[in-house]
C-alpha atoms as a PDB file:
ATOM      1  CA  MET A   1     -21.483 -46.130  62.662  1.00  0.00           C
ATOM      2  CA  VAL A   2     -21.018 -44.202  59.407  1.00  0.00           C
ATOM      3  CA  SER A   3     -22.146 -45.290  55.959  1.00  0.00           C
ATOM      4  CA  LYS A   4     -21.306 -43.529  52.713  1.00  0.00           C
ATOM      5  CA  ARG A   5     -22.585 -43.954  49.202  1.00  0.00           C
ATOM      6  CA  CYS A   6     -22.440 -41.929  46.020  1.00  0.00           C
ATOM      7  CA  TYR A   7     -25.450 -39.753  45.387  1.00  0.00           C
ATOM      8  CA  ASN A   8     -26.583 -38.079  42.232  1.00  0.00           C
ATOM      9  CA  ASN A   9     -25.184 -34.711  41.086  1.00  0.00           C
ATOM     10  CA  LYS A  10     -21.644 -35.633  42.195  1.00  0.00           C
ATOM     11  CA  ARG A  11     -22.432 -35.620  45.910  1.00  0.00           C
ATOM     12  CA  LEU A  12     -21.600 -38.077  48.676  1.00  0.00           C
ATOM     13  CA  LEU A  13     -24.495 -39.179  50.888  1.00  0.00           C
ATOM     14  CA  ILE A  14     -23.244 -39.689  54.429  1.00  0.00           C
ATOM     15  CA  ARG A  15     -25.429 -41.477  56.978  1.00  0.00           C
ATOM     16  CA  LYS A  16     -24.132 -41.387  60.575  1.00  0.00           C
ATOM     17  CA  MET A  17     -25.644 -43.554  63.330  1.00  0.00           C
ATOM     18  CA  PHE A  18     -25.128 -42.611  66.966  1.00  0.00           C
ATOM     19  CA  SER A  19     -26.834 -42.872  70.388  1.00  0.00           C
ATOM     20  CA  THR A  20     -28.293 -40.057  72.397  1.00  0.00           C
ATOM     21  CA  LEU A  21     -28.879 -40.256  76.160  1.00  0.00           C
ATOM     22  CA  VAL A  22     -32.433 -39.241  76.914  1.00  0.00           C
ATOM     23  CA  LYS A  23     -33.791 -39.626  80.496  1.00  0.00           C
ATOM     24  CA  GLY A  24     -31.261 -42.269  81.328  1.00  0.00           C
ATOM     25  CA  LYS A  25     -31.878 -44.247  78.186  1.00  0.00           C
ATOM     26  CA  CYS A  26     -29.715 -44.514  75.080  1.00  0.00           C
ATOM     27  CA  LEU A  27     -31.842 -43.804  72.067  1.00  0.00           C
ATOM     28  CA  PRO A  28     -30.525 -44.531  68.572  1.00  0.00           C
ATOM     29  CA  SER A  29     -30.217 -41.432  66.330  1.00  0.00           C
ATOM     30  CA  GLU A  30     -29.268 -40.843  62.735  1.00  0.00           C
ATOM     31  CA  ALA A  31     -27.771 -37.864  60.884  1.00  0.00           C
ATOM     32  CA  VAL A  32     -27.911 -37.695  57.100  1.00  0.00           C
ATOM     33  CA  TYR A  33     -26.131 -35.042  55.021  1.00  0.00           C
ATOM     34  CA  LYS A  34     -24.695 -34.627  51.583  1.00  0.00           C
ATOM     35  CA  LYS A  35     -21.128 -33.606  50.862  1.00  0.00           C
ATOM     36  CA  PRO A  36     -19.890 -32.603  47.404  1.00  0.00           C
ATOM     37  CA  ILE A  37     -17.024 -34.612  46.027  1.00  0.00           C
ATOM     38  CA  LYS A  38     -16.724 -32.552  42.815  1.00  0.00           C
ATOM     39  CA  CYS A  39     -17.989 -29.102  41.916  1.00  0.00           C
ATOM     40  CA  PRO A  40     -19.975 -28.265  38.767  1.00  0.00           C
ATOM     41  CA  ASP A  41     -18.204 -27.452  35.522  1.00  0.00           C
ATOM     42  CA  PRO A  42     -17.645 -23.761  34.676  1.00  0.00           C
ATOM     43  CA  ILE A  43     -20.666 -21.932  33.299  1.00  0.00           C
ATOM     44  CA  LYS A  44     -20.174 -19.367  30.527  1.00  0.00           C
ATOM     45  CA  LYS A  45     -22.665 -16.782  29.396  1.00  0.00           C
ATOM     46  CA  THR A  46     -22.653 -13.524  27.462  1.00  0.00           C
ATOM     47  CA  GLN A  47     -24.568 -10.376  28.338  1.00  0.00           C
ATOM     48  CA  CYS A  48     -25.176  -7.167  26.419  1.00  0.00           C
ATOM     49  CA  TYR A  49     -24.824  -3.895  28.315  1.00  0.00           C
ATOM     50  CA  ASN A  50     -23.837  -0.223  28.010  1.00  0.00           C
ATOM     51  CA  ASN A  51     -26.874   0.507  25.828  1.00  0.00           C
ATOM     52  CA  GLY A  52     -25.973  -2.220  23.383  1.00  0.00           C
ATOM     53  CA  ARG A  53     -22.436  -1.000  22.764  1.00  0.00           C
ATOM     54  CA  GLN A  54     -20.519  -3.596  24.769  1.00  0.00           C
ATOM     55  CA  LEU A  55     -20.514  -7.336  25.341  1.00  0.00           C
ATOM     56  CA  MET A  56     -19.481  -9.032  28.565  1.00  0.00           C
ATOM     57  CA  HIS A  57     -18.385 -12.652  28.804  1.00  0.00           C
ATOM     58  CA  ILE A  58     -19.126 -14.002  32.301  1.00  0.00           C
ATOM     59  CA  THR A  59     -17.442 -17.233  33.382  1.00  0.00           C
ATOM     60  CA  THR A  60     -18.590 -18.768  36.671  1.00  0.00           C
ATOM     61  CA  THR A  61     -16.193 -21.308  38.174  1.00  0.00           C
ATOM     62  CA  TYR A  62     -16.647 -23.483  41.286  1.00  0.00           C
ATOM     63  CA  SER A  63     -14.056 -24.631  43.779  1.00  0.00           C
ATOM     64  CA  LEU A  64     -14.469 -27.037  46.685  1.00  0.00           C
ATOM     65  CA  ASP A  65     -14.230 -25.326  50.057  1.00  0.00           C
ATOM     66  CA  GLY A  66     -14.698 -27.900  52.807  1.00  0.00           C
ATOM     67  CA  ASP A  67     -18.023 -29.485  52.104  1.00  0.00           C
ATOM     68  CA  LYS A  68     -19.302 -26.617  49.932  1.00  0.00           C
ATOM     69  CA  CYS A  69     -18.682 -25.400  46.408  1.00  0.00           C
ATOM     70  CA  ARG A  70     -17.722 -21.745  46.288  1.00  0.00           C
ATOM     71  CA  ALA A  71     -18.599 -19.806  43.130  1.00  0.00           C
ATOM     72  CA  SER A  72     -16.457 -17.064  41.602  1.00  0.00           C
ATOM     73  CA  GLU A  73     -16.989 -14.970  38.463  1.00  0.00           C
ATOM     74  CA  GLN A  74     -14.569 -13.754  35.825  1.00  0.00           C
ATOM     75  CA  LEU A  75     -15.708 -10.800  33.698  1.00  0.00           C
ATOM     76  CA  LEU A  76     -14.281 -10.007  30.268  1.00  0.00           C
ATOM     77  CA  ASP A  77     -15.353  -6.977  28.218  1.00  0.00           C
ATOM     78  CA  ILE A  78     -15.624  -7.635  24.486  1.00  0.00           C
ATOM     79  CA  ASP A  79     -15.973  -5.040  21.733  1.00  0.00           C
ATOM     80  CA  PRO A  80     -18.673  -6.317  19.329  1.00  0.00           C
ATOM     81  CA  CYS A  81     -16.611  -4.917  16.433  1.00  0.00           C
ATOM     82  CA  ALA A  82     -13.316  -6.451  17.567  1.00  0.00           C
ATOM     83  CA  HIS A  83     -13.259  -9.137  14.870  1.00  0.00           C
ATOM     84  CA  VAL A  84     -14.095  -6.620  12.132  1.00  0.00           C
ATOM     85  CA  LYS A  85     -11.468  -4.123  13.297  1.00  0.00           C
ATOM     86  CA  LYS A  86      -8.894  -6.916  13.409  1.00  0.00           C
ATOM     87  CA  THR A  87      -9.573  -7.582   9.740  1.00  0.00           C
ATOM     88  CA  PHE A  88      -9.329  -3.889   8.816  1.00  0.00           C
ATOM     89  CA  ASN A  89      -6.084  -3.505  10.778  1.00  0.00           C
ATOM     90  CA  ARG A  90      -4.419  -5.293   7.886  1.00  0.00           C
ATOM     91  CA  ARG A  91      -5.681  -2.767   5.336  1.00  0.00           C
ATOM     92  CA  PRO A  92      -6.659   0.938   5.217  1.00  0.00           C
ATOM     93  CA  LEU A  93      -9.984   2.160   6.588  1.00  0.00           C
ATOM     94  CA  PHE A  94     -10.784   3.583   3.169  1.00  0.00           C
ATOM     95  CA  GLN A  95     -10.828   2.615  -0.489  1.00  0.00           C
ATOM     96  CA  ILE A  96     -10.064   4.914  -3.431  1.00  0.00           C
ATOM     97  CA  GLY A  97     -11.466   4.097  -6.855  1.00  0.00           C
ATOM     98  CA  ARG A  98     -10.066   4.682 -10.323  1.00  0.00           C
ATOM     99  CA  CYS A  99      -8.747   8.167 -11.035  1.00  0.00           C
ATOM    100  CA  ASN A 100     -10.434  10.324 -13.691  1.00  0.00           C
ATOM    101  CA  PRO A 101      -7.516  12.079 -15.445  1.00  0.00           C
ATOM    102  CA  ALA A 102      -9.806  14.764 -16.862  1.00  0.00           C
ATOM    103  CA  THR A 103     -11.018  15.948 -13.454  1.00  0.00           C
ATOM    104  CA  CYS A 104      -8.318  14.492 -11.158  1.00  0.00           C
ATOM    105  CA  ILE A 105     -11.145  13.202  -8.962  1.00  0.00           C
ATOM    106  CA  ALA A 106     -11.683   9.648  -7.690  1.00  0.00           C
ATOM    107  CA  LYS A 107     -14.428   8.095  -5.574  1.00  0.00           C
ATOM    108  CA  ARG A 108     -13.453   7.430  -1.957  1.00  0.00           C
ATOM    109  CA  VAL A 109     -15.287   5.165   0.498  1.00  0.00           C
ATOM    110  CA  ASP A 110     -14.516   5.500   4.237  1.00  0.00           C
ATOM    111  CA  TYR A 111     -15.514   2.764   6.676  1.00  0.00           C
ATOM    112  CA  ARG A 112     -16.688   3.346  10.228  1.00  0.00           C
ATOM    113  CA  PHE A 113     -17.801   0.847  12.870  1.00  0.00           C
ATOM    114  CA  SER A 114     -20.482   1.192  15.510  1.00  0.00           C
ATOM    115  CA  SER A 115     -22.219  -1.171  17.929  1.00  0.00           C
ATOM    116  CA  LYS A 116     -25.986  -1.438  18.065  1.00  0.00           C
ATOM    117  CA  ASP A 117     -27.758  -4.035  20.197  1.00  0.00           C
ATOM    118  CA  CYS A 118     -24.310  -5.613  20.645  1.00  0.00           C
ATOM    119  CA  GLN A 119     -24.071  -6.218  16.902  1.00  0.00           C
ATOM    120  CA  CYS A 120     -21.340  -4.617  14.799  1.00  0.00           C
ATOM    121  CA  GLU A 121     -22.543  -2.321  12.037  1.00  0.00           C
ATOM    122  CA  ILE A 122     -20.261  -1.134   9.224  1.00  0.00           C
ATOM    123  CA  GLN A 123     -21.051   2.358   7.958  1.00  0.00           C
ATOM    124  CA  LYS A 124     -19.837   3.693   4.614  1.00  0.00           C
ATOM    125  CA  LYS A 125     -19.235   7.331   3.742  1.00  0.00           C
ATOM    126  CA  VAL A 126     -18.730   8.209   0.071  1.00  0.00           C
ATOM    127  CA  SER A 127     -16.805  11.333  -0.944  1.00  0.00           C
ATOM    128  CA  ASN A 128     -14.560  12.671  -3.693  1.00  0.00           C
ATOM    129  CA  GLU A 129     -10.793  12.422  -3.470  1.00  0.00           C
ATOM    130  CA  ILE A 130      -8.067  14.279  -5.374  1.00  0.00           C
ATOM    131  CA  CYS A 131      -6.067  11.713  -7.335  1.00  0.00           C
ATOM    132  CA  CYS A 132      -3.753  13.774  -9.561  1.00  0.00           C
ATOM    133  CA  CYS A 133      -2.318  17.281  -9.670  1.00  0.00           C
ATOM    134  CA  PRO A 134      -2.057  20.096 -12.267  1.00  0.00           C
ATOM    135  CA  LYS A 135       0.917  20.385 -14.577  1.00  0.00           C
ATOM    136  CA  PRO A 136       3.788  22.691 -13.565  1.00  0.00           C
ATOM    137  CA  ILE A 137       3.019  26.394 -13.964  1.00  0.00           C
ATOM    138  CA  ILE A 138       5.590  28.970 -15.100  1.00  0.00           C
ATOM    139  CA  ASN A 139       4.281  32.115 -13.505  1.00  0.00           C
ATOM    140  CA  GLN A 140       7.032  34.595 -14.411  1.00  0.00           C
ATOM    141  CA  SER A 141      10.460  35.049 -15.970  1.00  0.00           C
ATOM    142  CA  ILE A 142      12.771  37.789 -14.769  1.00  0.00           C
ATOM    143  CA  CYS A 143      16.232  38.968 -15.717  1.00  0.00           C
ATOM    144  CA  ASP A 144      19.077  39.130 -13.239  1.00  0.00           C
ATOM    145  CA  PRO A 145      21.094  42.127 -14.506  1.00  0.00           C
ATOM    146  CA  ASN A 146      24.116  41.169 -12.415  1.00  0.00           C
ATOM    147  CA  THR A 147      24.585  37.770 -14.063  1.00  0.00           C
ATOM    148  CA  ASN A 148      22.560  38.339 -17.271  1.00  0.00           C
ATOM    149  CA  ALA A 149      20.592  35.173 -16.594  1.00  0.00           C
ATOM    150  CA  ILE A 150      16.871  34.724 -17.131  1.00  0.00           C
ATOM    151  CA  ILE A 151      15.250  33.124 -14.092  1.00  0.00           C
ATOM    152  CA  HIS A 152      12.111  31.093 -14.740  1.00  0.00           C
ATOM    153  CA  LYS A 153       9.952  30.503 -11.673  1.00  0.00           C
ATOM    154  CA  GLN A 154       7.872  27.323 -11.764  1.00  0.00           C
ATOM    155  CA  ILE A 155       5.274  25.868  -9.426  1.00  0.00           C
ATOM    156  CA  HIS A 156       5.313  22.062  -9.254  1.00  0.00           C
ATOM    157  CA  TYR A 157       2.610  19.977  -7.581  1.00  0.00           C
ATOM    158  CA  SER A 158       3.069  16.668  -5.757  1.00  0.00           C
ATOM    159  CA  LEU A 159       0.194  14.400  -4.771  1.00  0.00           C
ATOM    160  CA  ILE A 160       0.201  13.591  -1.047  1.00  0.00           C
ATOM    161  CA  ILE A 161      -1.949  10.523  -0.413  1.00  0.00           C
ATOM    162  CA  PRO A 162      -3.338   9.125   2.877  1.00  0.00           C
ATOM    163  CA  THR A 163      -1.108   6.810   4.828  1.00  0.00           C
ATOM    164  CA  TYR A 164      -2.030   3.393   6.204  1.00  0.00           C
ATOM    165  CA  ASN A 165      -5.103   3.112   8.426  1.00  0.00           C
ATOM    166  CA  THR A 166      -5.815   6.839   8.726  1.00  0.00           C
ATOM    167  CA  LYS A 167      -9.302   8.168   9.370  1.00  0.00           C
ATOM    168  CA  ALA A 168      -9.509  11.893   8.577  1.00  0.00           C
ATOM    169  CA  PHE A 169      -6.518  12.418   6.286  1.00  0.00           C
ATOM    170  CA  LYS A 170      -7.362  13.088   2.625  1.00  0.00           C
ATOM    171  CA  SER A 171      -5.221  13.488  -0.467  1.00  0.00           C
ATOM    172  CA  TYR A 172      -4.086  16.933  -1.490  1.00  0.00           C
ATOM    173  CA  CYS A 173      -1.725  18.627  -3.935  1.00  0.00           C
ATOM    174  CA  GLN A 174       1.337  20.121  -2.290  1.00  0.00           C
ATOM    175  CA  SER A 175       2.902  22.998  -4.211  1.00  0.00           C
ATOM    176  CA  LYS A 176       6.622  23.656  -4.465  1.00  0.00           C
ATOM    177  CA  LEU A 177       8.261  26.710  -6.037  1.00  0.00           C
ATOM    178  CA  SER A 178      11.412  26.068  -8.065  1.00  0.00           C
ATOM    179  CA  GLN A 179      13.682  28.349 -10.068  1.00  0.00           C
ATOM    180  CA  ILE A 180      15.473  27.562 -13.317  1.00  0.00           C
ATOM    181  CA  SER A 181      18.303  29.877 -14.350  1.00  0.00           C
ATOM    182  CA  VAL A 182      19.206  30.174 -18.064  1.00  0.00           C
ATOM    183  CA  GLN A 183      22.320  32.115 -19.010  1.00  0.00           C
ATOM    184  CA  VAL A 184      21.885  34.476 -21.974  1.00  0.00           C
ATOM    185  CA  LYS A 185      24.557  33.908 -24.617  1.00  0.00           C
ATOM    186  CA  CYS A 186      25.023  35.785 -27.857  1.00  0.00           C
ATOM    187  CA  GLY A 187      26.952  33.226 -29.830  1.00  0.00           C
ATOM    188  CA  LYS A 188      30.628  33.586 -30.551  1.00  0.00           C
ATOM    189  CA  LYS A 189      32.066  36.729 -29.043  1.00  0.00           C
ATOM    190  CA  LEU A 190      33.873  37.956 -32.171  1.00  0.00           C
ATOM    191  CA  GLN A 191      34.405  41.567 -33.023  1.00  0.00           C
ATOM    192  CA  ARG A 192      32.650  42.938 -36.076  1.00  0.00           C
ATOM    193  CA  ILE A 193      33.933  45.618 -38.405  1.00  0.00           C
ATOM    194  CA  ARG A 194      31.506  47.834 -40.266  1.00  0.00           C
ATOM    195  CA  ILE A 195      32.689  50.117 -43.077  1.00  0.00           C
ATOM    196  CA  LYS A 196      30.343  52.753 -44.441  1.00  0.00           C
ATOM    197  CA  PRO A 197      30.535  53.666 -48.115  1.00  0.00           C
ATOM    198  CA  CYS A 198      32.718  56.610 -49.051  1.00  0.00           C
ATOM    199  CA  ASP A 199      30.979  59.925 -48.609  1.00  0.00           C
ATOM    200  CA  GLY A 200      33.247  61.482 -51.175  1.00  0.00           C
ATOM    201  CA  GLU A 201      36.099  61.999 -48.810  1.00  0.00           C
ATOM    202  CA  PHE A 202      36.095  59.406 -46.017  1.00  0.00           C
ATOM    203  CA  HIS A 203      35.042  55.890 -45.100  1.00  0.00           C
ATOM    204  CA  ILE A 204      33.668  55.509 -41.551  1.00  0.00           C
ATOM    205  CA  VAL A 205      35.105  52.351 -39.970  1.00  0.00           C
ATOM    206  CA  SER A 206      33.395  51.026 -36.807  1.00  0.00           C
ATOM    207  CA  ILE A 207      34.588  48.121 -34.643  1.00  0.00           C
ATOM    208  CA  LEU A 208      31.738  46.493 -32.699  1.00  0.00           C
ATOM    209  CA  LYS A 209      31.867  43.951 -29.885  1.00  0.00           C
ATOM    210  CA  PRO A 210      28.828  41.800 -28.922  1.00  0.00           C
ATOM    211  CA  ILE A 211      27.771  42.193 -25.292  1.00  0.00           C
ATOM    212  CA  VAL A 212      24.847  41.122 -23.131  1.00  0.00           C
ATOM    213  CA  GLU A 213      23.094  43.888 -21.288  1.00  0.00           C
ATOM    214  CA  ASN A 214      19.980  43.287 -19.199  1.00  0.00           C
ATOM    215  CA  CYS A 215      19.671  39.833 -20.789  1.00  0.00           C
ATOM    216  CA  ILE A 216      19.595  41.352 -24.308  1.00  0.00           C
ATOM    217  CA  CYS A 217      22.298  40.897 -26.910  1.00  0.00           C
ATOM    218  CA  LYS A 218      23.679  44.232 -28.124  1.00  0.00           C
ATOM    219  CA  GLN A 219      26.580  45.535 -30.226  1.00  0.00           C
ATOM    220  CA  LYS A 220      28.911  47.874 -28.377  1.00  0.00           C
ATOM    221  CA  LEU A 221      31.041  50.354 -30.320  1.00  0.00           C
ATOM    222  CA  ILE A 222      34.612  50.052 -29.091  1.00  0.00           C
ATOM    223  CA  HIS A 223      36.441  51.922 -31.875  1.00  0.00           C
ATOM    224  CA  LYS A 224      35.545  54.354 -34.688  1.00  0.00           C
ATOM    225  CA  GLN A 225      37.756  56.174 -37.187  1.00  0.00           C
ATOM    226  CA  LYS A 226      37.757  57.904 -40.569  1.00  0.00           C
ATOM    227  CA  ILE A 227      39.816  56.596 -43.445  1.00  0.00           C
ATOM    228  CA  ARG A 228      40.209  58.545 -46.665  1.00  0.00           C
ATOM    229  CA  CYS A 229      38.554  57.052 -49.620  1.00  0.00           C
ATOM    230  CA  GLY A 230      40.867  54.932 -51.706  1.00  0.00           C
ATOM    231  CA  LYS A 231      43.073  54.063 -48.731  1.00  0.00           C
ATOM    232  CA  LEU A 232      41.315  50.751 -47.991  1.00  0.00           C
END
């Protein structure tokens, strides 16, 4: 004979009646045991480990195996700063303040994260950041005698700023050398005639042509002759 009834804590109380032969006599006996009909709900807990730098979520689940509940654990490592880093992933890990045009310096704040006692701490580091660059510099001008052009060499500066979500990269001024060529021109290239006053016998007539030589405008004598006074 077997009787069953529900017991507390989700267990089934089973009472089994049977007879046992002892010295030729049948003696009534009884066996009572409890059998689970449903295992406990999962249990979740969180532990701090790795010297306070890491969190571990431990989930204990139970499954029915015959008449026993077998426990199994699932471990999940959690970075205490995960939620903060997720927020900063949508913006840079630094902030740059207003630029001072007189000094080309701005205030920069860098953010760092560290775990202490499984709590996330945000650390700030304040430094100066370059925010503008010097004006172009003309360092020299030279003449190209082959083309009679004056070459001006200039140094230009471009501000290179940190890109998204960088840690160590800081702004700097990148220099670039450029050359500007200016052709030397002496106006209209017309010949000029110069006549010296009569010296009592002759006029000296000179025909000059404007030329550029070593980037300088000059007059080149291309013809010269004497003409008797009164012949002009």
